[in-house]
């Protein structure tokens, strides 16, 4: 059977996107190659036509998920009409983001697992982290200058990731909502204090 030009690249991208969502939703170790390939309508053997190992897929999926999340944040900011950092914080620490880790931030969904991954995978995660920090830095008030822009952006991102992660971890819905609200308040206060 002959496939159209670009078929292999499209199939690879389909696998990466499906894996990215599954890893964020279920955790990396909980997702097997067989079930993932079944999700995209392919065989386990077909996996190795695209990737040398599951870790190769993890690395590419982390990079893809991080870029997608940064693009969504940048779009939310662009649509905010001058309220960039507020739109970013409110969108990131929202009930929708909490309830849909599969399409959300890789850092909030997978950072605990990244510490146990090989250095090459952590390097892909680091690139995604830097991309999000840059997105946040672009929203900060003009009064925040120089090196402070980056350090403040990293502090805000760390605060948001922690708040989102904890809001997902607790068993009580009211407590989860309270964590999100306090996280939003803290991140905004941090930014406004400059």
Protein backbone atom coordinates (compact mmCIF):
# COMPACT_ATOMS: atom_id res chain seq x y z
CA UNK A 1 0.00 0.00 0.00
CA UNK A 2 1.32 3.45 -0.96
CA UNK A 3 0.71 6.43 1.28
CA UNK A 4 0.59 10.09 0.38
CA UNK A 5 3.70 12.18 0.86
CA UNK A 6 3.91 13.31 4.46
CA UNK A 7 1.87 10.37 5.80
CA UNK A 8 4.66 9.15 8.07
CA UNK A 9 5.17 12.63 9.56
CA UNK A 10 1.41 13.02 10.10
CA UNK A 11 1.22 9.64 11.81
CA UNK A 12 4.18 10.51 14.02
CA UNK A 13 2.55 13.80 15.01
CA UNK A 14 -0.71 11.98 15.78
CA UNK A 15 1.18 9.62 18.10
CA UNK A 16 3.00 12.52 19.80
CA UNK A 17 -0.20 14.47 20.39
CA UNK A 18 -2.07 11.44 21.73
CA UNK A 19 0.85 10.56 24.02
CA UNK A 20 1.15 14.12 25.23
CA UNK A 21 -2.50 14.13 26.32
CA UNK A 22 -2.36 10.64 27.85
CA UNK A 23 0.86 11.37 29.76
CA UNK A 24 -0.59 14.55 31.23
CA UNK A 25 -3.87 12.85 32.11
CA UNK A 26 -2.60 9.52 33.44
CA UNK A 27 1.12 9.92 34.13
CA UNK A 28 4.00 8.69 32.02
CA UNK A 29 4.49 5.30 33.63
CA UNK A 30 0.77 4.51 33.53
CA UNK A 31 0.67 4.76 29.73
CA UNK A 32 1.88 1.72 27.83
CA UNK A 33 2.94 1.67 24.21
CA UNK A 34 0.32 -0.94 23.30
CA UNK A 35 -2.64 1.00 24.72
CA UNK A 36 -1.35 4.26 23.27
CA UNK A 37 -0.98 2.77 19.80
CA UNK A 38 -4.48 1.27 20.11
CA UNK A 39 -5.74 4.79 20.87
CA UNK A 40 -4.39 6.05 17.55
CA UNK A 41 -5.44 2.95 15.61
CA UNK A 42 -1.97 1.51 15.06
CA UNK A 43 -0.07 -1.57 16.17
CA UNK A 44 2.72 -1.75 18.71
CA UNK A 45 5.09 -2.73 15.90
CA UNK A 46 4.23 0.49 14.10
CA UNK A 47 5.48 2.45 17.09
CA UNK A 48 9.08 1.49 16.34
CA UNK A 49 8.78 2.87 12.81
CA UNK A 50 8.56 6.28 14.46
CA UNK A 51 10.44 6.09 17.78
CA UNK A 52 13.44 4.20 19.07
CA UNK A 53 11.97 3.90 22.56
CA UNK A 54 9.14 5.06 24.78
CA UNK A 55 11.53 7.61 26.28
CA UNK A 56 12.06 9.15 22.82
CA UNK A 57 8.28 9.58 22.63
CA UNK A 58 8.13 11.00 26.17
CA UNK A 59 10.77 13.59 25.29
CA UNK A 60 8.99 14.67 22.12
CA UNK A 61 5.57 14.65 23.82
CA UNK A 62 6.82 16.84 26.66
CA UNK A 63 8.23 19.34 24.17
CA UNK A 64 5.02 19.28 22.12
CA UNK A 65 2.77 19.68 25.15
CA UNK A 66 4.83 22.54 26.54
CA UNK A 67 4.80 24.41 23.24
CA UNK A 68 1.06 23.92 22.84
CA UNK A 69 0.39 25.21 26.36
CA UNK A 70 2.62 28.25 25.80
CA UNK A 71 0.83 29.00 22.51
CA UNK A 72 -2.57 28.80 24.22
CA UNK A 73 -1.38 31.13 26.98
CA UNK A 74 0.04 33.58 24.43
CA UNK A 75 -3.29 33.56 22.56
CA UNK A 76 -5.22 34.18 25.80
CA UNK A 77 -2.89 37.08 26.59
CA UNK A 78 -3.20 38.54 23.10
CA UNK A 79 -7.00 38.49 23.41
CA UNK A 80 -6.93 40.15 26.84
CA UNK A 81 -6.70 43.78 25.63
CA UNK A 82 -3.99 45.01 27.96
CA UNK A 83 -4.75 42.76 30.91
CA UNK A 84 -2.11 40.20 29.93
CA UNK A 85 -0.83 39.02 33.26
CA UNK A 86 -4.32 38.94 34.77
CA UNK A 87 -5.60 36.86 31.84
CA UNK A 88 -2.63 34.52 32.18
CA UNK A 89 -3.01 34.01 35.94
CA UNK A 90 -6.80 33.69 35.83
CA UNK A 91 -6.69 31.27 32.90
CA UNK A 92 -3.91 29.16 34.34
CA UNK A 93 -5.49 28.91 37.78
CA UNK A 94 -8.99 28.21 36.48
CA UNK A 95 -11.38 25.35 37.21
CA UNK A 96 -11.24 24.40 33.52
CA UNK A 97 -7.45 24.05 33.57
CA UNK A 98 -7.58 22.13 36.85
CA UNK A 99 -10.19 19.73 35.49
CA UNK A 100 -8.46 19.08 32.15
CA UNK A 101 -4.81 18.19 32.76
CA UNK A 102 -4.70 16.33 29.44
CA UNK A 103 -4.74 19.62 27.53
CA UNK A 104 -3.08 21.78 30.14
CA UNK A 105 0.36 22.70 31.34
CA UNK A 106 3.00 19.98 31.23
CA UNK A 107 4.73 21.42 34.30
CA UNK A 108 1.66 21.08 36.53
CA UNK A 109 0.86 17.62 35.22
CA UNK A 110 4.31 16.06 35.01
CA UNK A 111 6.93 18.01 36.97
CA UNK A 112 7.04 15.45 39.80
CA UNK A 113 7.76 12.72 37.25
CA UNK A 114 10.38 14.74 35.37
CA UNK A 115 12.84 14.49 38.24
CA UNK A 116 13.06 10.74 37.60
CA UNK A 117 13.48 10.95 33.81
CA UNK A 118 16.79 10.88 31.89
CA UNK A 119 18.65 14.16 31.45
CA UNK A 120 17.62 14.42 27.78
CA UNK A 121 13.94 14.33 28.73
CA UNK A 122 14.51 16.83 31.52
CA UNK A 123 16.24 19.07 28.97
CA UNK A 124 13.08 19.05 26.82
CA UNK A 125 11.05 19.89 29.92
CA UNK A 126 13.49 22.70 30.72
CA UNK A 127 12.96 24.21 27.27
CA UNK A 128 9.20 24.19 27.87
CA UNK A 129 9.70 25.74 31.30
CA UNK A 130 11.79 28.52 29.75
CA UNK A 131 9.17 29.10 27.07
CA UNK A 132 6.44 29.59 29.70
CA UNK A 133 8.70 31.88 31.75
CA UNK A 134 9.24 33.98 28.61
CA UNK A 135 5.47 34.15 27.99
CA UNK A 136 4.92 35.34 31.57
CA UNK A 137 7.78 37.86 31.32
CA UNK A 138 6.10 39.37 28.27
CA UNK A 139 3.01 40.17 30.36
CA UNK A 140 4.71 41.89 33.27
CA UNK A 141 4.28 45.63 33.84
CA UNK A 142 6.91 47.87 32.20
CA UNK A 143 8.13 48.86 35.65
CA UNK A 144 9.67 45.39 36.05
CA UNK A 145 13.01 45.57 34.25
CA UNK A 146 16.24 43.73 33.61
CA UNK A 147 17.03 40.48 35.38
CA UNK A 148 14.05 41.03 37.70
CA UNK A 149 11.67 40.24 34.80
CA UNK A 150 13.03 36.71 34.54
CA UNK A 151 13.25 36.03 38.27
CA UNK A 152 9.75 37.37 38.88
CA UNK A 153 8.41 35.32 35.96
CA UNK A 154 9.99 32.16 37.37
CA UNK A 155 8.54 32.88 40.83
CA UNK A 156 5.07 33.48 39.39
CA UNK A 157 5.22 30.32 37.29
CA UNK A 158 6.41 28.22 40.23
CA UNK A 159 3.60 29.64 42.37
CA UNK A 160 0.99 28.89 39.71
CA UNK A 161 2.27 25.35 39.04
CA UNK A 162 2.24 24.59 42.77
CA UNK A 163 -1.25 25.99 43.24
CA UNK A 164 -2.64 24.08 40.27
CA UNK A 165 -0.94 20.84 41.31
CA UNK A 166 -2.26 21.09 44.86
CA UNK A 167 -5.77 21.96 43.67
CA UNK A 168 -5.75 18.70 41.69
CA UNK A 169 -4.36 16.66 44.57
CA UNK A 170 -6.85 17.41 47.35
CA UNK A 171 -10.04 15.38 47.76
CA UNK A 172 -12.40 18.17 48.82
CA UNK A 173 -13.84 20.29 45.97
CA UNK A 174 -14.27 23.38 48.17
CA UNK A 175 -10.65 23.18 49.29
CA UNK A 176 -9.53 22.75 45.69
CA UNK A 177 -11.44 25.89 44.69
CA UNK A 178 -9.96 27.77 47.64
CA UNK A 179 -6.43 26.77 46.61
CA UNK A 180 -7.08 28.10 43.09
CA UNK A 181 -8.48 31.37 44.44
CA UNK A 182 -5.59 31.88 46.84
CA UNK A 183 -3.13 30.94 44.11
CA UNK A 184 -4.61 33.58 41.80
CA UNK A 185 -4.50 36.19 44.56
CA UNK A 186 -0.89 35.35 45.48
CA UNK A 187 0.36 35.33 41.88
CA UNK A 188 -1.32 38.67 41.13
CA UNK A 189 0.05 40.22 44.32
CA UNK A 190 3.51 38.96 43.46
CA UNK A 191 3.34 40.56 40.01
CA UNK A 192 1.86 43.82 41.24
CA UNK A 193 4.52 44.14 43.95
CA UNK A 194 7.03 43.87 41.11
